[in-house]
Amino acid sequence: MKRSILIALLVLIVAGMVGTVAAECACPSEIPDGLLSTTDLLAGQSIDVGDIYVWNDATCMYVWYDLADDTDWYLTETHLDVECSVGDIP
């Protein structure tokens, strides 16, 4: 019984910390100067339909998907995995 209560408290504490970290990061309204990385946004593995911008500040990492204006493509789903090593991405 005590173990269940302890686990529940730990889950609540971790959830509170994650919420606090997320609350510090505001959604950007524009792409800032001095980007960390830019790459093509590809559809079907080879069709360039826009760009992906990735940058960070002191506490947050941002990923911006930017579809080209002259494309008929749109996003319905994205998958993003952030790892310290490329080999760790599934």
PDB file of N, CA and C in Angstrom:
ATOM      1  N   MET A   1       0.834  -1.201   0.000  1.00  0.00           N
ATOM      2  CA  MET A   1       0.000   0.000   0.000  1.00  0.00           C
ATOM      3  C   MET A   1       0.874   1.258   0.000  1.00  0.00           C
ATOM      4  N   LYS A   2       1.879   1.273   0.877  1.00  0.00           N
ATOM      5  CA  LYS A   2       2.758   2.439   0.938  1.00  0.00           C
ATOM      6  C   LYS A   2       3.518   2.616  -0.379  1.00  0.00           C
ATOM      7  N   ARG A   3       3.878   1.485  -0.981  1.00  0.00           N
ATOM      8  CA  ARG A   3       4.606   1.556  -2.247  1.00  0.00           C
ATOM      9  C   ARG A   3       3.740   2.166  -3.349  1.00  0.00           C
ATOM     10  N   SER A   4       2.467   1.825  -3.407  1.00  0.00           N
ATOM     11  CA  SER A   4       1.550   2.383  -4.406  1.00  0.00           C
ATOM     12  C   SER A   4       1.385   3.881  -4.225  1.00  0.00           C
ATOM     13  N   ILE A   5       1.286   4.323  -2.990  1.00  0.00           N
ATOM     14  CA  ILE A   5       1.152   5.755  -2.703  1.00  0.00           C
ATOM     15  C   ILE A   5       2.427   6.486  -3.110  1.00  0.00           C
ATOM     16  N   LEU A   6       3.588   5.885  -2.805  1.00  0.00           N
ATOM     17  CA  LEU A   6       4.863   6.500  -3.168  1.00  0.00           C
ATOM     18  C   LEU A   6       4.994   6.623  -4.689  1.00  0.00           C
ATOM     19  N   ILE A   7       4.631   5.571  -5.408  1.00  0.00           N
ATOM     20  CA  ILE A   7       4.698   5.613  -6.876  1.00  0.00           C
ATOM     21  C   ILE A   7       3.759   6.674  -7.431  1.00  0.00           C
ATOM     22  N   ALA A   8       2.561   6.768  -6.885  1.00  0.00           N
ATOM     23  CA  ALA A   8       1.599   7.785  -7.332  1.00  0.00           C
ATOM     24  C   ALA A   8       2.133   9.193  -7.090  1.00  0.00           C
ATOM     25  N   LEU A   9       2.759   9.418  -5.940  1.00  0.00           N
ATOM     26  CA  LEU A   9       3.336  10.732  -5.641  1.00  0.00           C
ATOM     27  C   LEU A   9       4.485  11.057  -6.587  1.00  0.00           C
ATOM     28  N   LEU A  10       5.329  10.069  -6.874  1.00  0.00           N
ATOM     29  CA  LEU A  10       6.435  10.302  -7.802  1.00  0.00           C
ATOM     30  C   LEU A  10       5.930  10.647  -9.197  1.00  0.00           C
ATOM     31  N   VAL A  11       4.882   9.969  -9.643  1.00  0.00           N
ATOM     32  CA  VAL A  11       4.299  10.267 -10.953  1.00  0.00           C
ATOM     33  C   VAL A  11       3.763  11.696 -10.976  1.00  0.00           C
ATOM     34  N   LEU A  12       3.089  12.109  -9.933  1.00  0.00           N
ATOM     35  CA  LEU A  12       2.565  13.478  -9.864  1.00  0.00           C
ATOM     36  C   LEU A  12       3.682  14.509  -9.855  1.00  0.00           C
ATOM     37  N   ILE A  13       4.753  14.211  -9.133  1.00  0.00           N
ATOM     38  CA  ILE A  13       5.878  15.151  -9.074  1.00  0.00           C
ATOM     39  C   ILE A  13       6.522  15.288 -10.445  1.00  0.00           C
ATOM     40  N   VAL A  14       6.769  14.164 -11.117  1.00  0.00           N
ATOM     41  CA  VAL A  14       7.378  14.207 -12.455  1.00  0.00           C
ATOM     42  C   VAL A  14       6.462  14.927 -13.431  1.00  0.00           C
ATOM     43  N   ALA A  15       5.172  14.652 -13.385  1.00  0.00           N
ATOM     44  CA  ALA A  15       4.213  15.329 -14.268  1.00  0.00           C
ATOM     45  C   ALA A  15       4.224  16.831 -14.022  1.00  0.00           C
ATOM     46  N   GLY A  16       4.336  17.236 -12.775  1.00  0.00           N
ATOM     47  CA  GLY A  16       4.406  18.661 -12.447  1.00  0.00           C
ATOM     48  C   GLY A  16       5.663  19.309 -12.990  1.00  0.00           C
ATOM     49  N   MET A  17       6.792  18.592 -12.927  1.00  0.00           N
ATOM     50  CA  MET A  17       8.044  19.135 -13.443  1.00  0.00           C
ATOM     51  C   MET A  17       7.984  19.273 -14.956  1.00  0.00           C
ATOM     52  N   VAL A  18       7.436  18.290 -15.650  1.00  0.00           N
ATOM     53  CA  VAL A  18       7.323  18.356 -17.103  1.00  0.00           C
ATOM     54  C   VAL A  18       6.425  19.519 -17.507  1.00  0.00           C
ATOM     55  N   GLY A  19       5.319  19.703 -16.834  1.00  0.00           N
ATOM     56  CA  GLY A  19       4.423  20.819 -17.111  1.00  0.00           C
ATOM     57  C   GLY A  19       5.098  22.157 -16.887  1.00  0.00           C
ATOM     58  N   THR A  20       5.931  22.240 -15.872  1.00  0.00           N
ATOM     59  CA  THR A  20       6.642  23.480 -15.568  1.00  0.00           C
ATOM     60  C   THR A  20       7.647  23.801 -16.662  1.00  0.00           C
ATOM     61  N   VAL A  21       8.392  22.810 -17.126  1.00  0.00           N
ATOM     62  CA  VAL A  21       9.375  23.033 -18.180  1.00  0.00           C
ATOM     63  C   VAL A  21       8.676  23.453 -19.463  1.00  0.00           C
ATOM     64  N   ALA A  22       7.593  22.776 -19.812  1.00  0.00           N
ATOM     65  CA  ALA A  22       6.869  23.106 -21.032  1.00  0.00           C
ATOM     66  C   ALA A  22       6.276  24.507 -20.965  1.00  0.00           C
ATOM     67  N   ALA A  23       5.859  24.946 -19.778  1.00  0.00           N
ATOM     68  CA  ALA A  23       5.248  26.257 -19.638  1.00  0.00           C
ATOM     69  C   ALA A  23       6.263  27.376 -19.870  1.00  0.00           C
ATOM     70  N   GLU A  24       7.559  27.100 -19.682  1.00  0.00           N
ATOM     71  CA  GLU A  24       8.582  28.121 -19.874  1.00  0.00           C
ATOM     72  C   GLU A  24       8.834  28.411 -21.351  1.00  0.00           C
ATOM     73  N   CYS A  25       8.468  27.497 -22.222  1.00  0.00           N
ATOM     74  CA  CYS A  25       8.735  27.638 -23.650  1.00  0.00           C
ATOM     75  C   CYS A  25       7.488  28.139 -24.369  1.00  0.00           C
ATOM     76  N   ALA A  26       7.586  29.325 -24.921  1.00  0.00           N
ATOM     77  CA  ALA A  26       6.454  29.890 -25.656  1.00  0.00           C
ATOM     78  C   ALA A  26       6.578  29.534 -27.128  1.00  0.00           C
ATOM     79  N   CYS A  27       5.458  29.398 -27.795  1.00  0.00           N
ATOM     80  CA  CYS A  27       5.471  29.143 -29.237  1.00  0.00           C
ATOM     81  C   CYS A  27       5.993  30.386 -29.951  1.00  0.00           C
ATOM     82  N   PRO A  28       6.995  30.225 -30.799  1.00  0.00           N
ATOM     83  CA  PRO A  28       7.544  31.383 -31.508  1.00  0.00           C
ATOM     84  C   PRO A  28       6.595  31.852 -32.603  1.00  0.00           C
ATOM     85  N   SER A  29       6.616  33.137 -32.871  1.00  0.00           N
ATOM     86  CA  SER A  29       5.778  33.696 -33.928  1.00  0.00           C
ATOM     87  C   SER A  29       6.549  33.880 -35.227  1.00  0.00           C
ATOM     88  N   GLU A  30       7.876  33.720 -35.163  1.00  0.00           N
ATOM     89  CA  GLU A  30       8.706  33.832 -36.357  1.00  0.00           C
ATOM     90  C   GLU A  30       9.997  33.057 -36.145  1.00  0.00           C
ATOM     91  N   ILE A  31      10.681  32.793 -37.227  1.00  0.00           N
ATOM     92  CA  ILE A  31      11.953  32.081 -37.163  1.00  0.00           C
ATOM     93  C   ILE A  31      13.049  33.105 -36.877  1.00  0.00           C
ATOM     94  N   PRO A  32      13.813  32.904 -35.807  1.00  0.00           N
ATOM     95  CA  PRO A  32      14.835  33.891 -35.451  1.00  0.00           C
ATOM     96  C   PRO A  32      16.079  33.785 -36.332  1.00  0.00           C
ATOM     97  N   ASP A  33      16.924  34.806 -36.297  1.00  0.00           N
ATOM     98  CA  ASP A  33      18.214  34.765 -36.988  1.00  0.00           C
ATOM     99  C   ASP A  33      19.149  33.819 -36.237  1.00  0.00           C
ATOM    100  N   GLY A  34      20.166  33.338 -36.902  1.00  0.00           N
ATOM    101  CA  GLY A  34      21.150  32.480 -36.264  1.00  0.00           C
ATOM    102  C   GLY A  34      20.634  31.079 -35.988  1.00  0.00           C
ATOM    103  N   LEU A  35      20.017  30.478 -36.982  1.00  0.00           N
ATOM    104  CA  LEU A  35      19.426  29.153 -36.816  1.00  0.00           C
ATOM    105  C   LEU A  35      20.489  28.104 -36.532  1.00  0.00           C
ATOM    106  N   LEU A  36      20.086  27.102 -35.785  1.00  0.00           N
ATOM    107  CA  LEU A  36      20.960  25.974 -35.519  1.00  0.00           C
ATOM    108  C   LEU A  36      21.060  25.088 -36.753  1.00  0.00           C
ATOM    109  N   SER A  37      19.931  24.822 -37.407  1.00  0.00           N
ATOM    110  CA  SER A  37      19.927  23.901 -38.541  1.00  0.00           C
ATOM    111  C   SER A  37      18.717  24.153 -39.438  1.00  0.00           C
ATOM    112  N   THR A  38      18.906  23.956 -40.735  1.00  0.00           N
ATOM    113  CA  THR A  38      17.824  24.037 -41.716  1.00  0.00           C
ATOM    114  C   THR A  38      17.980  22.865 -42.678  1.00  0.00           C
ATOM    115  N   THR A  39      16.875  22.229 -43.023  1.00  0.00           N
ATOM    116  CA  THR A  39      16.903  21.136 -43.990  1.00  0.00           C
ATOM    117  C   THR A  39      15.614  21.116 -44.791  1.00  0.00           C
ATOM    118  N   ASP A  40      15.624  20.414 -45.915  1.00  0.00           N
ATOM    119  CA  ASP A  40      14.428  20.315 -46.750  1.00  0.00           C
ATOM    120  C   ASP A  40      13.363  19.460 -46.070  1.00  0.00           C
ATOM    121  N   LEU A  41      12.110  19.847 -46.232  1.00  0.00           N
ATOM    122  CA  LEU A  41      10.966  19.047 -45.803  1.00  0.00           C
ATOM    123  C   LEU A  41      10.556  18.211 -47.008  1.00  0.00           C
ATOM    124  N   LEU A  42      10.699  16.901 -46.888  1.00  0.00           N
ATOM    125  CA  LEU A  42      10.478  16.014 -48.026  1.00  0.00           C
ATOM    126  C   LEU A  42       9.181  15.239 -47.891  1.00  0.00           C
ATOM    127  N   ALA A  43       8.471  15.127 -49.005  1.00  0.00           N
ATOM    128  CA  ALA A  43       7.275  14.283 -49.090  1.00  0.00           C
ATOM    129  C   ALA A  43       7.639  13.089 -49.953  1.00  0.00           C
ATOM    130  N   GLY A  44       7.218  11.913 -49.555  1.00  0.00           N
ATOM    131  CA  GLY A  44       7.526  10.723 -50.337  1.00  0.00           C
ATOM    132  C   GLY A  44       9.011  10.477 -50.468  1.00  0.00           C
ATOM    133  N   GLN A  45       9.814  10.921 -49.551  1.00  0.00           N
ATOM    134  CA  GLN A  45      11.262  10.732 -49.453  1.00  0.00           C
ATOM    135  C   GLN A  45      12.087  11.529 -50.466  1.00  0.00           C
ATOM    136  N   SER A  46      11.450  12.182 -51.457  1.00  0.00           N
ATOM    137  CA  SER A  46      12.273  12.887 -52.443  1.00  0.00           C
ATOM    138  C   SER A  46      11.666  14.176 -52.990  1.00  0.00           C
ATOM    139  N   ILE A  47      10.429  14.498 -52.652  1.00  0.00           N
ATOM    140  CA  ILE A  47       9.777  15.701 -53.182  1.00  0.00           C
ATOM    141  C   ILE A  47       9.931  16.833 -52.174  1.00  0.00           C
ATOM    142  N   ASP A  48      10.660  17.885 -52.554  1.00  0.00           N
ATOM    143  CA  ASP A  48      10.895  19.025 -51.661  1.00  0.00           C
ATOM    144  C   ASP A  48       9.627  19.882 -51.590  1.00  0.00           C
ATOM    145  N   VAL A  49       8.980  19.914 -50.432  1.00  0.00           N
ATOM    146  CA  VAL A  49       7.737  20.672 -50.273  1.00  0.00           C
ATOM    147  C   VAL A  49       7.871  21.826 -49.280  1.00  0.00           C
ATOM    148  N   GLY A  50       9.086  22.084 -48.788  1.00  0.00           N
ATOM    149  CA  GLY A  50       9.289  23.169 -47.838  1.00  0.00           C
ATOM    150  C   GLY A  50      10.588  22.987 -47.081  1.00  0.00           C
ATOM    151  N   ASP A  51      10.632  23.544 -45.880  1.00  0.00           N
ATOM    152  CA  ASP A  51      11.841  23.500 -45.064  1.00  0.00           C
ATOM    153  C   ASP A  51      11.496  23.191 -43.610  1.00  0.00           C
ATOM    154  N   ILE A  52      12.479  22.655 -42.900  1.00  0.00           N
ATOM    155  CA  ILE A  52      12.379  22.436 -41.457  1.00  0.00           C
ATOM    156  C   ILE A  52      13.491  23.257 -40.809  1.00  0.00           C
ATOM    157  N   TYR A  53      13.133  24.070 -39.832  1.00  0.00           N
ATOM    158  CA  TYR A  53      14.076  24.894 -39.097  1.00  0.00           C
ATOM    159  C   TYR A  53      14.146  24.398 -37.653  1.00  0.00           C
ATOM    160  N   VAL A  54      15.361  24.266 -37.141  1.00  0.00           N
ATOM    161  CA  VAL A  54      15.553  23.819 -35.765  1.00  0.00           C
ATOM    162  C   VAL A  54      16.509  24.790 -35.084  1.00  0.00           C
ATOM    163  N   TRP A  55      16.108  25.277 -33.907  1.00  0.00           N
ATOM    164  CA  TRP A  55      16.972  26.165 -33.124  1.00  0.00           C
ATOM    165  C   TRP A  55      16.662  25.980 -31.655  1.00  0.00           C
ATOM    166  N   ASN A  56      17.506  26.568 -30.831  1.00  0.00           N
ATOM    167  CA  ASN A  56      17.285  26.490 -29.394  1.00  0.00           C
ATOM    168  C   ASN A  56      17.680  27.797 -28.725  1.00  0.00           C
ATOM    169  N   ASP A  57      17.176  27.958 -27.514  1.00  0.00           N
ATOM    170  CA  ASP A  57      17.600  29.068 -26.664  1.00  0.00           C
ATOM    171  C   ASP A  57      18.153  28.449 -25.379  1.00  0.00           C
ATOM    172  N   ALA A  58      18.181  29.184 -24.302  1.00  0.00           N
ATOM    173  CA  ALA A  58      18.778  28.694 -23.061  1.00  0.00           C
ATOM    174  C   ALA A  58      18.034  27.499 -22.464  1.00  0.00           C
ATOM    175  N   THR A  59      16.745  27.353 -22.721  1.00  0.00           N
ATOM    176  CA  THR A  59      15.979  26.284 -22.082  1.00  0.00           C
ATOM    177  C   THR A  59      15.161  25.419 -23.034  1.00  0.00           C
ATOM    178  N   CYS A  60      14.953  25.837 -24.269  1.00  0.00           N
ATOM    179  CA  CYS A  60      14.018  25.121 -25.144  1.00  0.00           C
ATOM    180  C   CYS A  60      14.615  24.857 -26.519  1.00  0.00           C
ATOM    181  N   MET A  61      14.153  23.789 -27.137  1.00  0.00           N
ATOM    182  CA  MET A  61      14.478  23.489 -28.530  1.00  0.00           C
ATOM    183  C   MET A  61      13.201  23.662 -29.346  1.00  0.00           C
ATOM    184  N   TYR A  62      13.319  24.277 -30.519  1.00  0.00           N
ATOM    185  CA  TYR A  62      12.161  24.555 -31.367  1.00  0.00           C
ATOM    186  C   TYR A  62      12.336  23.882 -32.720  1.00  0.00           C
ATOM    187  N   VAL A  63      11.245  23.358 -33.261  1.00  0.00           N
ATOM    188  CA  VAL A  63      11.228  22.771 -34.604  1.00  0.00           C
ATOM    189  C   VAL A  63      10.064  23.422 -35.349  1.00  0.00           C
ATOM    190  N   TRP A  64      10.355  24.022 -36.490  1.00  0.00           N
ATOM    191  CA  TRP A  64       9.363  24.760 -37.275  1.00  0.00           C
ATOM    192  C   TRP A  64       9.256  24.093 -38.646  1.00  0.00           C
ATOM    193  N   TYR A  65       8.080  23.598 -38.980  1.00  0.00           N
ATOM    194  CA  TYR A  65       7.808  23.019 -40.299  1.00  0.00           C
ATOM    195  C   TYR A  65       7.214  24.117 -41.165  1.00  0.00           C
ATOM    196  N   ASP A  66       7.849  24.404 -42.301  1.00  0.00           N
ATOM    197  CA  ASP A  66       7.418  25.500 -43.171  1.00  0.00           C
ATOM    198  C   ASP A  66       7.160  24.961 -44.582  1.00  0.00           C
ATOM    199  N   LEU A  67       5.880  24.814 -44.934  1.00  0.00           N
ATOM    200  CA  LEU A  67       5.520  24.343 -46.278  1.00  0.00           C
ATOM    201  C   LEU A  67       5.664  25.486 -47.283  1.00  0.00           C
ATOM    202  N   ALA A  68       6.162  25.164 -48.468  1.00  0.00           N
ATOM    203  CA  ALA A  68       6.310  26.164 -49.524  1.00  0.00           C
ATOM    204  C   ALA A  68       4.933  26.654 -49.961  1.00  0.00           C
ATOM    205  N   ASP A  69       4.842  27.929 -50.330  1.00  0.00           N
ATOM    206  CA  ASP A  69       3.565  28.522 -50.754  1.00  0.00           C
ATOM    207  C   ASP A  69       3.060  27.942 -52.074  1.00  0.00           C
ATOM    208  N   ASP A  70       3.973  27.478 -52.913  1.00  0.00           N
ATOM    209  CA  ASP A  70       3.569  27.013 -54.242  1.00  0.00           C
ATOM    210  C   ASP A  70       3.346  25.497 -54.307  1.00  0.00           C
ATOM    211  N   THR A  71       3.068  24.879 -53.174  1.00  0.00           N
ATOM    212  CA  THR A  71       2.847  23.435 -53.150  1.00  0.00           C
ATOM    213  C   THR A  71       1.407  23.115 -52.769  1.00  0.00           C
ATOM    214  N   ASP A  72       0.925  21.984 -53.264  1.00  0.00           N
ATOM    215  CA  ASP A  72      -0.415  21.529 -52.897  1.00  0.00           C
ATOM    216  C   ASP A  72      -0.377  20.557 -51.722  1.00  0.00           C
ATOM    217  N   TRP A  73       0.785  20.400 -51.114  1.00  0.00           N
ATOM    218  CA  TRP A  73       0.947  19.490 -49.995  1.00  0.00           C
ATOM    219  C   TRP A  73       0.515  20.157 -48.696  1.00  0.00           C
ATOM    220  N   TYR A  74       0.094  19.343 -47.725  1.00  0.00           N
ATOM    221  CA  TYR A  74      -0.207  19.828 -46.385  1.00  0.00           C
ATOM    222  C   TYR A  74       0.132  18.726 -45.388  1.00  0.00           C
ATOM    223  N   LEU A  75       0.345  19.104 -44.136  1.00  0.00           N
ATOM    224  CA  LEU A  75       0.710  18.144 -43.089  1.00  0.00           C
ATOM    225  C   LEU A  75      -0.535  17.600 -42.409  1.00  0.00           C
ATOM    226  N   THR A  76      -0.585  16.293 -42.264  1.00  0.00           N
ATOM    227  CA  THR A  76      -1.651  15.674 -41.470  1.00  0.00           C
ATOM    228  C   THR A  76      -1.062  15.004 -40.239  1.00  0.00           C
ATOM    229  N   GLU A  77       0.240  14.713 -40.287  1.00  0.00           N
ATOM    230  CA  GLU A  77       0.884  14.009 -39.181  1.00  0.00           C
ATOM    231  C   GLU A  77       2.390  14.216 -39.289  1.00  0.00           C
ATOM    232  N   THR A  78       3.053  14.376 -38.170  1.00  0.00           N
ATOM    233  CA  THR A  78       4.509  14.464 -38.152  1.00  0.00           C
ATOM    234  C   THR A  78       5.045  13.513 -37.092  1.00  0.00           C
ATOM    235  N   HIS A  79       6.292  13.107 -37.267  1.00  0.00           N
ATOM    236  CA  HIS A  79       6.985  12.286 -36.278  1.00  0.00           C
ATOM    237  C   HIS A  79       8.319  12.958 -36.002  1.00  0.00           C
ATOM    238  N   LEU A  80       8.614  13.193 -34.744  1.00  0.00           N
ATOM    239  CA  LEU A  80       9.857  13.846 -34.358  1.00  0.00           C
ATOM    240  C   LEU A  80      10.472  13.062 -33.219  1.00  0.00           C
ATOM    241  N   ASP A  81      11.743  12.723 -33.353  1.00  0.00           N
ATOM    242  CA  ASP A  81      12.468  12.037 -32.291  1.00  0.00           C
ATOM    243  C   ASP A  81      13.744  12.833 -32.036  1.00  0.00           C
ATOM    244  N   VAL A  82      13.963  13.235 -30.813  1.00  0.00           N
ATOM    245  CA  VAL A  82      15.133  14.013 -30.441  1.00  0.00           C
ATOM    246  C   VAL A  82      16.036  13.114 -29.604  1.00  0.00           C
ATOM    247  N   GLU A  83      17.238  12.872 -30.091  1.00  0.00           N
ATOM    248  CA  GLU A  83      18.217  12.018 -29.430  1.00  0.00           C
ATOM    249  C   GLU A  83      19.571  12.704 -29.451  1.00  0.00           C
ATOM    250  N   CYS A  84      20.465  12.250 -28.621  1.00  0.00           N
ATOM    251  CA  CYS A  84      21.826  12.784 -28.586  1.00  0.00           C
ATOM    252  C   CYS A  84      22.704  12.186 -29.672  1.00  0.00           C
ATOM    253  N   SER A  85      22.306  11.036 -30.216  1.00  0.00           N
ATOM    254  CA  SER A  85      23.079  10.361 -31.240  1.00  0.00           C
ATOM    255  C   SER A  85      22.128   9.876 -32.345  1.00  0.00           C
ATOM    256  N   VAL A  86      22.554  10.011 -33.604  1.00  0.00           N
ATOM    257  CA  VAL A  86      21.722   9.578 -34.722  1.00  0.00           C
ATOM    258  C   VAL A  86      21.409   8.084 -34.598  1.00  0.00           C
ATOM    259  N   GLY A  87      22.352   7.312 -34.083  1.00  0.00           N
ATOM    260  CA  GLY A  87      22.146   5.877 -33.926  1.00  0.00           C
ATOM    261  C   GLY A  87      21.066   5.515 -32.938  1.00  0.00           C
ATOM    262  N   ASP A  88      20.650   6.458 -32.080  1.00  0.00           N
ATOM    263  CA  ASP A  88      19.593   6.193 -31.089  1.00  0.00           C
ATOM    264  C   ASP A  88      18.189   6.401 -31.640  1.00  0.00           C
ATOM    265  N   ILE A  89      18.081   6.963 -32.845  1.00  0.00           N
ATOM    266  CA  ILE A  89      16.756   7.188 -33.431  1.00  0.00           C
ATOM    267  C   ILE A  89      16.252   5.875 -34.001  1.00  0.00           C
ATOM    268  N   PRO A  90      15.038   5.457 -33.616  1.00  0.00           N
ATOM    269  CA  PRO A  90      14.531   4.161 -34.072  1.00  0.00           C
ATOM    270  C   PRO A  90      14.213   4.134 -35.565  1.00  0.00           C
TER     271      PRO A  90
END
